Amino acid sequence: MVFHIMLIPTLGCPSNCGYCWSSEENSDLMTIDTFQEVVKWLENFRDDTVTVTFHGGEPLLAGFDFYQKALPLITNRLKHLKPSLALQTNLWNLTDEMAQLFSEYNIPIGSSIDGPEVLNDYQRGKGYYGKTMKGYKIALAHDLKVSFICTFTSHSINYKEDILNFFLENGLTLKLHPSLPSMRDENPDKWTLSPEAYGKLLVYLLDQYLDHMDEIEIMNIDNLTKSVFRRRGTVCTFVDCMGDTFAIGPDGSIYPCYRFVGMPEYIMGNVYDQPSMEDLAQSTPWKLLEEFKEYVDHECKKCTYIKFCRGGCPYNALAITDARVEGVDPHCTAYKRIFKEITDRATKEMLSGSGMVPGDPKTQKRGKNTIMSIMLKDS
């Protein structure tokens, strides 16, 4: 078993993306004393392997000194948990000194680019593209692995071909996010991508991936396809995440996910109190997400895809119902469409024998890449 800790050193961020729901002006910075309490809590919290992702806001605002002390703390004191580390950042504050440190700890980096500069800066703010690419060059100079999240909005969906070509031409790994409503946004629907548009986008990217598997990695298509074959979700959106994912805010507060950080009503405990799993399970947020799980078990029990969808993301569901358990992830329509597309194509391939062609899927030419090619990729 693996559990995931999302460490939020601050909700502060120097950028001002139009659709952002994960930053907060004047947010405090986590102190190294609080981080020590995090490590102390994790030492005895559970015995499973742990993945720790530094997230935000913008986690690099914590500064070099913080990471110089934090990284050896977590790797040495949690050695028995075999910790793996990751970082999600806009790269603006990355320095050679920081990059060298992250390289020594073999930390993969996730960043965000929404496509060509004009389109990206329209959504994320003037100058964003240039600052992120400057940091990207520093990361590459230190042999850091960087992948990019691309947020598709009601605006950028009209330029999906341009966006895909941008990622292809620049050799960038693509992980896409649909713009979603937020519990903290006064105008949550301004950028929101509809489920119907998202479903069409996923099918489009599936087609394009089969044509360009030797040129690009589209992480979502990989994960969706492998979920169908393994009959279980492979990313947090499609699993029962409660109890296996936690987020820790700058003051040590514990939340069910980073998307809830900064919302007092979703605090389950604090690392300074060293709560057990049983303690957290008594909190209101935990019980709310358990209620969502029970709702999915009942309402989705006849759905073909329940085992590898699990109702989608609870946050997405709660964000559109004023935190009441009254429905599943609003992108259910999109998930059903892409799961059906993958399932139907895989079945057709198996019946025709085209999915059983031997050889390395990375070397297959146009017309020969199949759903099975994606399933076997890097497995």
Protein backbone atom coordinates (compact mmCIF):
# COMPACT_ATOMS: atom_id res chain seq x y z
CA MET A 1 0.00 0.00 0.00
CA VAL A 2 1.04 3.59 -0.70
CA PHE A 3 -0.42 6.67 0.91
CA HIS A 4 0.01 10.22 -0.29
CA ILE A 5 0.80 13.36 1.68
CA MET A 6 0.41 16.71 -0.05
CA LEU A 7 2.56 19.20 1.81
CA ILE A 8 1.45 22.83 1.36
CA PRO A 9 4.20 25.17 2.63
CA THR A 10 2.06 28.16 1.65
CA LEU A 11 -1.08 29.07 -0.27
CA GLY A 12 0.69 32.21 -1.46
CA CYS A 13 1.59 32.45 -5.15
CA PRO A 14 3.23 35.16 -7.30
CA SER A 15 1.07 34.34 -10.32
CA ASN A 16 -2.59 35.22 -10.77
CA CYS A 17 -4.21 32.58 -12.97
CA GLY A 18 -7.77 33.45 -13.95
CA TYR A 19 -9.32 30.14 -12.88
CA CYS A 20 -7.10 29.31 -9.90
CA TRP A 21 -8.68 28.00 -6.70
CA SER A 22 -5.53 26.93 -4.85
CA SER A 23 -3.83 30.19 -3.91
CA GLU A 24 -4.44 32.78 -1.24
CA GLU A 25 -2.88 36.20 -0.80
CA ASN A 26 -0.95 36.86 2.41
CA SER A 27 -0.82 33.17 3.29
CA ASP A 28 1.62 32.18 6.00
CA LEU A 29 4.74 30.14 5.25
CA MET A 30 5.28 26.79 6.95
CA THR A 31 8.13 26.95 9.44
CA ILE A 32 10.74 24.24 9.75
CA ASP A 33 9.41 23.62 13.28
CA THR A 34 6.00 22.76 11.82
CA PHE A 35 7.65 20.56 9.23
CA GLN A 36 9.44 18.69 12.01
CA GLU A 37 6.03 18.04 13.57
CA VAL A 38 4.83 16.71 10.20
CA VAL A 39 7.72 14.26 10.10
CA LYS A 40 7.19 13.28 13.73
CA TRP A 41 3.51 12.57 12.98
CA LEU A 42 4.29 10.51 9.90
CA GLU A 43 6.92 8.42 11.70
CA ASN A 44 4.26 6.50 13.57
CA PHE A 45 1.06 7.31 11.67
CA ARG A 46 1.09 4.19 9.47
CA ASP A 47 3.62 1.69 8.15
CA ASP A 48 2.90 1.94 4.42
CA THR A 49 5.10 3.49 1.76
CA VAL A 50 4.60 7.25 1.54
CA THR A 51 4.69 9.70 -1.35
CA VAL A 52 5.13 13.34 -0.36
CA THR A 53 4.29 16.06 -2.88
CA PHE A 54 5.21 19.66 -2.10
CA HIS A 55 2.31 21.67 -3.49
CA GLY A 56 0.67 25.03 -3.07
CA GLY A 57 0.02 27.90 -3.75
CA GLU A 58 3.63 28.08 -4.79
CA PRO A 59 5.84 25.81 -2.68
CA LEU A 60 9.13 27.39 -3.79
CA LEU A 61 8.18 30.50 -1.80
CA ALA A 62 9.28 28.49 1.25
CA GLY A 63 12.85 29.14 0.09
CA PHE A 64 16.09 27.23 -0.27
CA ASP A 65 16.85 27.10 3.46
CA PHE A 66 13.51 25.39 4.16
CA TYR A 67 14.14 22.62 1.63
CA GLN A 68 17.78 22.25 2.62
CA LYS A 69 16.58 21.32 6.12
CA ALA A 70 13.30 19.61 5.19
CA LEU A 71 14.53 17.12 2.59
CA PRO A 72 17.11 15.31 4.76
CA LEU A 73 14.64 15.32 7.64
CA ILE A 74 11.99 13.49 5.68
CA THR A 75 14.29 11.09 3.87
CA ASN A 76 16.27 10.09 6.97
CA ARG A 77 13.59 9.93 9.64
CA LEU A 78 11.03 8.30 7.36
CA LYS A 79 13.45 5.85 5.78
CA HIS A 80 11.29 2.96 7.01
CA LEU A 81 8.41 4.31 4.87
CA LYS A 82 10.56 4.43 1.71
CA PRO A 83 9.46 7.99 0.93
CA SER A 84 9.31 9.25 -2.64
CA LEU A 85 9.19 13.01 -3.16
CA ALA A 86 7.66 15.25 -5.82
CA LEU A 87 7.13 18.96 -6.36
CA GLN A 88 4.38 20.96 -8.11
CA THR A 89 5.52 24.48 -8.98
CA ASN A 90 5.18 27.22 -11.58
CA LEU A 91 9.03 27.28 -11.61
CA TRP A 92 9.24 31.07 -11.33
CA ASN A 93 11.34 30.95 -8.15
CA LEU A 94 13.57 28.06 -9.15
CA THR A 95 17.27 28.85 -8.79
CA ASP A 96 20.34 26.83 -9.72
CA GLU A 97 20.93 26.24 -6.02
CA MET A 98 17.41 24.86 -5.52
CA ALA A 99 17.53 22.81 -8.72
CA GLN A 100 20.79 21.18 -7.66
CA LEU A 101 19.27 20.29 -4.30
CA PHE A 102 16.17 18.77 -5.89
CA SER A 103 18.39 16.85 -8.30
CA GLU A 104 20.33 15.33 -5.40
CA TYR A 105 17.03 13.98 -4.02
CA ASN A 106 15.81 12.85 -7.44
CA ILE A 107 12.60 14.92 -7.18
CA PRO A 108 10.37 14.98 -10.28
CA ILE A 109 8.69 18.31 -10.96
CA GLY A 110 5.20 19.05 -12.17
CA SER A 111 4.50 22.49 -13.59
CA SER A 112 1.75 24.20 -15.59
CA ILE A 113 1.55 25.52 -19.13
CA ASP A 114 -1.71 25.90 -21.05
CA GLY A 115 -0.18 25.91 -24.53
CA PRO A 116 1.35 28.62 -26.76
CA GLU A 117 2.43 31.83 -25.05
CA VAL A 118 -0.48 34.07 -26.13
CA LEU A 119 -3.10 31.51 -25.10
CA ASN A 120 -1.31 30.61 -21.89
CA ASP A 121 -0.88 34.20 -20.76
CA TYR A 122 -4.50 35.04 -21.59
CA GLN A 123 -5.56 32.46 -19.02
CA ARG A 124 -2.69 32.58 -16.55
CA GLY A 125 -1.62 36.23 -16.70
CA LYS A 126 0.84 38.30 -18.73
CA GLY A 127 4.42 37.13 -18.39
CA TYR A 128 3.57 33.71 -16.94
CA TYR A 129 4.88 31.77 -19.95
CA GLY A 130 8.27 33.48 -20.03
CA LYS A 131 8.88 33.09 -16.30
CA THR A 132 7.91 29.42 -16.30
CA MET A 133 10.06 28.62 -19.33
CA LYS A 134 13.01 30.37 -17.71
CA GLY A 135 12.63 28.09 -14.69
CA TYR A 136 12.15 25.10 -16.98
CA LYS A 137 15.54 25.71 -18.57
CA ILE A 138 17.14 25.78 -15.12
CA ALA A 139 15.43 22.49 -14.26
CA LEU A 140 16.67 20.86 -17.47
CA ALA A 141 20.20 22.10 -16.84
CA HIS A 142 20.17 20.06 -13.63
CA ASP A 143 18.62 16.98 -15.27
CA LEU A 144 15.34 17.34 -13.44
CA LYS A 145 12.34 15.55 -14.95
CA VAL A 146 9.54 18.05 -15.64
CA SER A 147 5.99 17.33 -16.80
CA PHE A 148 3.29 19.91 -17.44
CA ILE A 149 -0.35 20.19 -16.49
CA CYS A 150 -2.42 21.89 -19.17
CA THR A 151 -5.74 23.31 -18.02
CA PHE A 152 -8.42 23.30 -20.68
CA THR A 153 -11.09 25.96 -20.20
CA SER A 154 -14.25 26.97 -22.01
CA HIS A 155 -11.96 29.32 -23.97
CA SER A 156 -8.92 27.16 -24.73
CA ILE A 157 -10.97 24.12 -25.81
CA ASN A 158 -11.46 25.99 -29.10
CA TYR A 159 -7.70 25.73 -29.70
CA LYS A 160 -7.12 22.09 -28.81
CA GLU A 161 -5.19 21.39 -32.04
CA ASP A 162 -2.84 24.33 -31.40
CA ILE A 163 -2.30 23.18 -27.82
CA LEU A 164 -1.53 19.60 -28.78
CA ASN A 165 0.87 20.76 -31.51
CA PHE A 166 2.63 22.99 -28.98
CA PHE A 167 3.27 20.02 -26.69
CA LEU A 168 4.33 17.84 -29.62
CA GLU A 169 6.71 20.41 -31.09
CA ASN A 170 8.34 21.11 -27.73
CA GLY A 171 8.57 17.47 -26.64
CA LEU A 172 6.65 18.11 -23.42
CA THR A 173 4.77 15.55 -21.34
CA LEU A 174 1.08 16.47 -21.11
CA LYS A 175 -1.29 16.01 -18.22
CA LEU A 176 -4.58 17.76 -18.77
CA HIS A 177 -7.00 19.22 -16.28
CA PRO A 178 -10.46 20.52 -17.11
CA SER A 179 -11.21 23.87 -15.52
CA LEU A 180 -13.58 23.16 -12.65
CA PRO A 181 -15.89 25.08 -10.33
CA SER A 182 -14.36 26.05 -7.00
CA MET A 183 -15.84 26.34 -3.54
CA ARG A 184 -13.84 29.55 -3.11
CA ASP A 185 -14.58 31.35 -6.38
CA GLU A 186 -17.19 34.10 -6.60
CA ASN A 187 -17.66 33.36 -10.30
CA PRO A 188 -16.96 29.61 -10.48
CA ASP A 189 -18.38 28.98 -13.95
CA LYS A 190 -16.45 31.64 -15.91
CA TRP A 191 -13.75 29.25 -17.17
CA THR A 192 -15.46 25.93 -16.50
CA LEU A 193 -15.23 23.26 -19.20
CA SER A 194 -18.51 21.44 -19.71
CA PRO A 195 -18.63 17.64 -19.24
CA GLU A 196 -19.71 17.22 -22.86
CA ALA A 197 -16.75 19.24 -24.14
CA TYR A 198 -14.38 17.39 -21.80
CA GLY A 199 -15.63 14.02 -23.05
CA LYS A 200 -15.05 15.04 -26.68
CA LEU A 201 -11.59 16.32 -25.76
CA LEU A 202 -10.61 13.01 -24.15
CA VAL A 203 -11.71 11.05 -27.23
CA TYR A 204 -9.81 13.49 -29.46
CA LEU A 205 -6.66 13.03 -27.38
CA LEU A 206 -7.07 9.26 -27.43
CA ASP A 207 -7.10 9.37 -31.25
CA GLN A 208 -4.11 11.69 -31.33
CA TYR A 209 -2.18 9.62 -28.83
CA LEU A 210 -2.56 6.51 -30.96
CA ASP A 211 -1.04 8.50 -33.83
CA HIS A 212 1.78 10.06 -31.82
CA MET A 213 2.73 7.61 -29.06
CA ASP A 214 6.40 7.77 -30.06
CA GLU A 215 6.40 11.57 -29.78
CA ILE A 216 4.46 12.43 -26.63
CA GLU A 217 3.21 11.11 -23.32
CA ILE A 218 -0.39 12.03 -22.50
CA MET A 219 -0.63 10.91 -18.89
CA ASN A 220 -4.44 11.00 -18.66
CA ILE A 221 -4.89 8.60 -21.59
CA ASP A 222 -2.31 6.24 -20.09
CA ASN A 223 -4.11 6.26 -16.74
CA LEU A 224 -7.63 5.92 -18.15
CA THR A 225 -6.66 3.01 -20.36
CA LYS A 226 -4.83 1.17 -17.60
CA SER A 227 -7.78 1.72 -15.27
CA VAL A 228 -10.05 -0.10 -17.72
CA PHE A 229 -7.70 -3.07 -18.02
CA ARG A 230 -6.89 -3.33 -14.33
CA ARG A 231 -10.53 -2.79 -13.34
CA ARG A 232 -9.54 -0.18 -10.77
CA GLY A 233 -8.63 3.48 -10.81
CA THR A 234 -4.96 4.37 -11.12
CA VAL A 235 -5.13 8.05 -10.10
CA CYS A 236 -6.84 9.75 -7.18
CA THR A 237 -9.83 10.98 -9.23
CA PHE A 238 -11.00 7.40 -9.69
CA VAL A 239 -10.38 5.75 -6.32
CA ASP A 240 -11.79 5.95 -2.80
CA CYS A 241 -9.14 8.42 -1.65
CA MET A 242 -10.32 8.87 1.93
CA GLY A 243 -7.67 7.54 4.29
CA ASP A 244 -4.95 7.25 1.64
CA THR A 245 -4.55 10.93 0.76
CA PHE A 246 -4.02 13.81 3.16
CA ALA A 247 -2.93 17.42 2.80
CA ILE A 248 -1.12 19.47 5.40
CA GLY A 249 -1.44 23.24 5.43
CA PRO A 250 1.17 25.84 6.47
CA ASP A 251 0.10 25.73 10.14
CA GLY A 252 0.09 21.92 10.34
CA SER A 253 -3.67 21.49 9.83
CA ILE A 254 -4.61 18.19 8.19
CA TYR A 255 -7.17 18.09 5.37
CA PRO A 256 -8.57 15.29 3.17
CA CYS A 257 -6.98 16.80 0.03
CA TYR A 258 -4.97 19.86 -1.02
CA ARG A 259 -8.05 21.31 -2.69
CA PHE A 260 -9.59 21.85 0.76
CA VAL A 261 -6.54 23.53 2.32
CA GLY A 262 -7.36 26.92 3.80
CA MET A 263 -11.02 26.05 4.44
CA PRO A 264 -11.45 25.72 8.23
CA GLU A 265 -14.54 23.54 7.96
CA TYR A 266 -12.44 20.80 6.31
CA ILE A 267 -9.73 20.56 8.96
CA MET A 268 -9.54 17.01 10.35
CA GLY A 269 -6.79 17.59 12.89
CA ASN A 270 -3.32 19.08 13.31
CA VAL A 271 0.11 17.46 13.26
CA TYR A 272 0.97 19.18 16.53
CA ASP A 273 -1.63 16.93 18.18
CA GLN A 274 -0.21 13.80 16.51
CA PRO A 275 -3.65 12.36 15.64
CA SER A 276 -4.11 8.69 14.81
CA MET A 277 -6.07 7.42 11.83
CA GLU A 278 -8.91 6.69 14.26
CA ASP A 279 -8.83 10.30 15.49
CA LEU A 280 -9.06 11.65 11.93
CA ALA A 281 -11.92 9.28 11.15
CA GLN A 282 -14.02 10.99 13.81
CA SER A 283 -13.79 14.36 12.06
CA THR A 284 -16.65 15.90 10.11
CA PRO A 285 -14.73 16.08 6.79
CA TRP A 286 -13.85 12.38 6.98
CA LYS A 287 -17.48 11.46 7.65
CA LEU A 288 -18.61 13.68 4.74
CA LEU A 289 -16.32 11.87 2.30
CA GLU A 290 -17.40 8.50 3.67
CA GLU A 291 -20.96 9.62 3.01
CA PHE A 292 -19.95 10.35 -0.58
CA LYS A 293 -18.47 6.86 -0.90
CA GLU A 294 -21.70 5.30 0.37
CA TYR A 295 -23.68 7.47 -2.06
CA VAL A 296 -21.57 6.20 -4.96
CA ASP A 297 -22.01 2.58 -3.82
CA HIS A 298 -25.77 3.05 -3.93
CA GLU A 299 -26.34 5.40 -6.86
CA CYS A 300 -23.69 3.99 -9.20
CA LYS A 301 -23.99 0.29 -8.41
CA LYS A 302 -25.48 -0.50 -11.83
CA CYS A 303 -22.89 1.54 -13.72
CA THR A 304 -20.52 -0.51 -15.89
CA TYR A 305 -17.58 1.63 -14.83
CA ILE A 306 -18.06 1.90 -11.08
CA LYS A 307 -15.01 -0.20 -10.19
CA PHE A 308 -12.58 2.05 -11.99
CA CYS A 309 -14.39 5.37 -11.62
CA ARG A 310 -15.82 5.40 -8.08
CA GLY A 311 -17.95 8.44 -8.83
CA GLY A 312 -14.99 10.62 -9.74
CA CYS A 313 -13.58 13.31 -7.45
CA PRO A 314 -15.55 14.05 -4.25
CA TYR A 315 -14.39 17.67 -4.25
CA ASN A 316 -15.81 18.18 -7.74
CA ALA A 317 -19.12 16.73 -6.56
CA LEU A 318 -19.28 18.83 -3.39
CA ALA A 319 -18.23 22.05 -5.16
CA ILE A 320 -21.48 22.25 -7.13
CA THR A 321 -23.87 21.28 -4.31
CA ASP A 322 -22.75 23.64 -1.54
CA ALA A 323 -20.94 20.73 0.15
CA ARG A 324 -23.97 18.44 0.24
CA VAL A 325 -23.75 14.84 -0.93
CA GLU A 326 -26.34 14.98 -3.68
CA GLY A 327 -24.48 13.78 -6.77
CA VAL A 328 -21.24 12.46 -8.20
CA ASP A 329 -18.45 14.29 -9.99
CA PRO A 330 -20.15 16.52 -12.60
CA HIS A 331 -17.77 15.19 -15.24
CA CYS A 332 -19.41 11.77 -14.96
CA THR A 333 -20.66 12.20 -18.54
CA ALA A 334 -17.10 12.70 -19.77
CA TYR A 335 -15.76 9.76 -17.80
CA LYS A 336 -18.44 7.45 -19.15
CA ARG A 337 -17.74 8.56 -22.69
CA ILE A 338 -13.99 7.90 -22.57
CA PHE A 339 -14.31 4.66 -20.59
CA LYS A 340 -16.86 3.40 -23.13
CA GLU A 341 -14.64 4.45 -26.02
CA ILE A 342 -11.65 2.61 -24.57
CA THR A 343 -13.70 -0.48 -23.68
CA ASP A 344 -15.42 -0.69 -27.08
CA ARG A 345 -12.16 -0.27 -28.99
CA ALA A 346 -10.35 -2.79 -26.82
CA THR A 347 -13.14 -5.35 -27.30
CA LYS A 348 -13.06 -4.83 -31.06
CA GLU A 349 -9.28 -5.23 -31.10
CA MET A 350 -9.40 -8.43 -29.10
CA LEU A 351 -12.08 -9.95 -31.31
CA SER A 352 -10.17 -9.07 -34.47
CA GLY A 353 -6.80 -10.05 -33.03
CA SER A 354 -5.31 -6.62 -33.78
CA GLY A 355 -4.64 -5.97 -30.12
CA MET A 356 -2.43 -9.03 -29.81
CA VAL A 357 0.27 -8.08 -32.32
CA PRO A 358 3.68 -8.73 -30.70
CA GLY A 359 6.48 -6.20 -30.58
CA ASP A 360 7.38 -2.96 -28.88
CA PRO A 361 4.36 -0.60 -29.01
CA LYS A 362 6.70 2.38 -29.14
CA THR A 363 7.99 1.29 -32.54
CA GLN A 364 4.64 0.54 -34.14
CA LYS A 365 3.85 2.66 -37.18
CA ARG A 366 0.72 4.61 -37.99
CA GLY A 367 -2.34 2.41 -38.04
CA LYS A 368 -0.77 -0.20 -35.80
CA ASN A 369 -0.96 1.46 -32.41
CA THR A 370 -3.86 0.03 -30.44
CA ILE A 371 -5.49 0.33 -27.05
CA MET A 372 -3.32 -2.62 -26.05
CA SER A 373 -0.28 -0.60 -27.12
CA ILE A 374 -1.18 1.98 -24.49
CA MET A 375 -1.82 -0.67 -21.88
CA LEU A 376 1.58 -2.29 -22.44
CA LYS A 377 3.44 1.02 -22.66
CA ASP A 378 6.08 1.26 -19.93
CA SER A 379 4.53 -1.68 -18.07
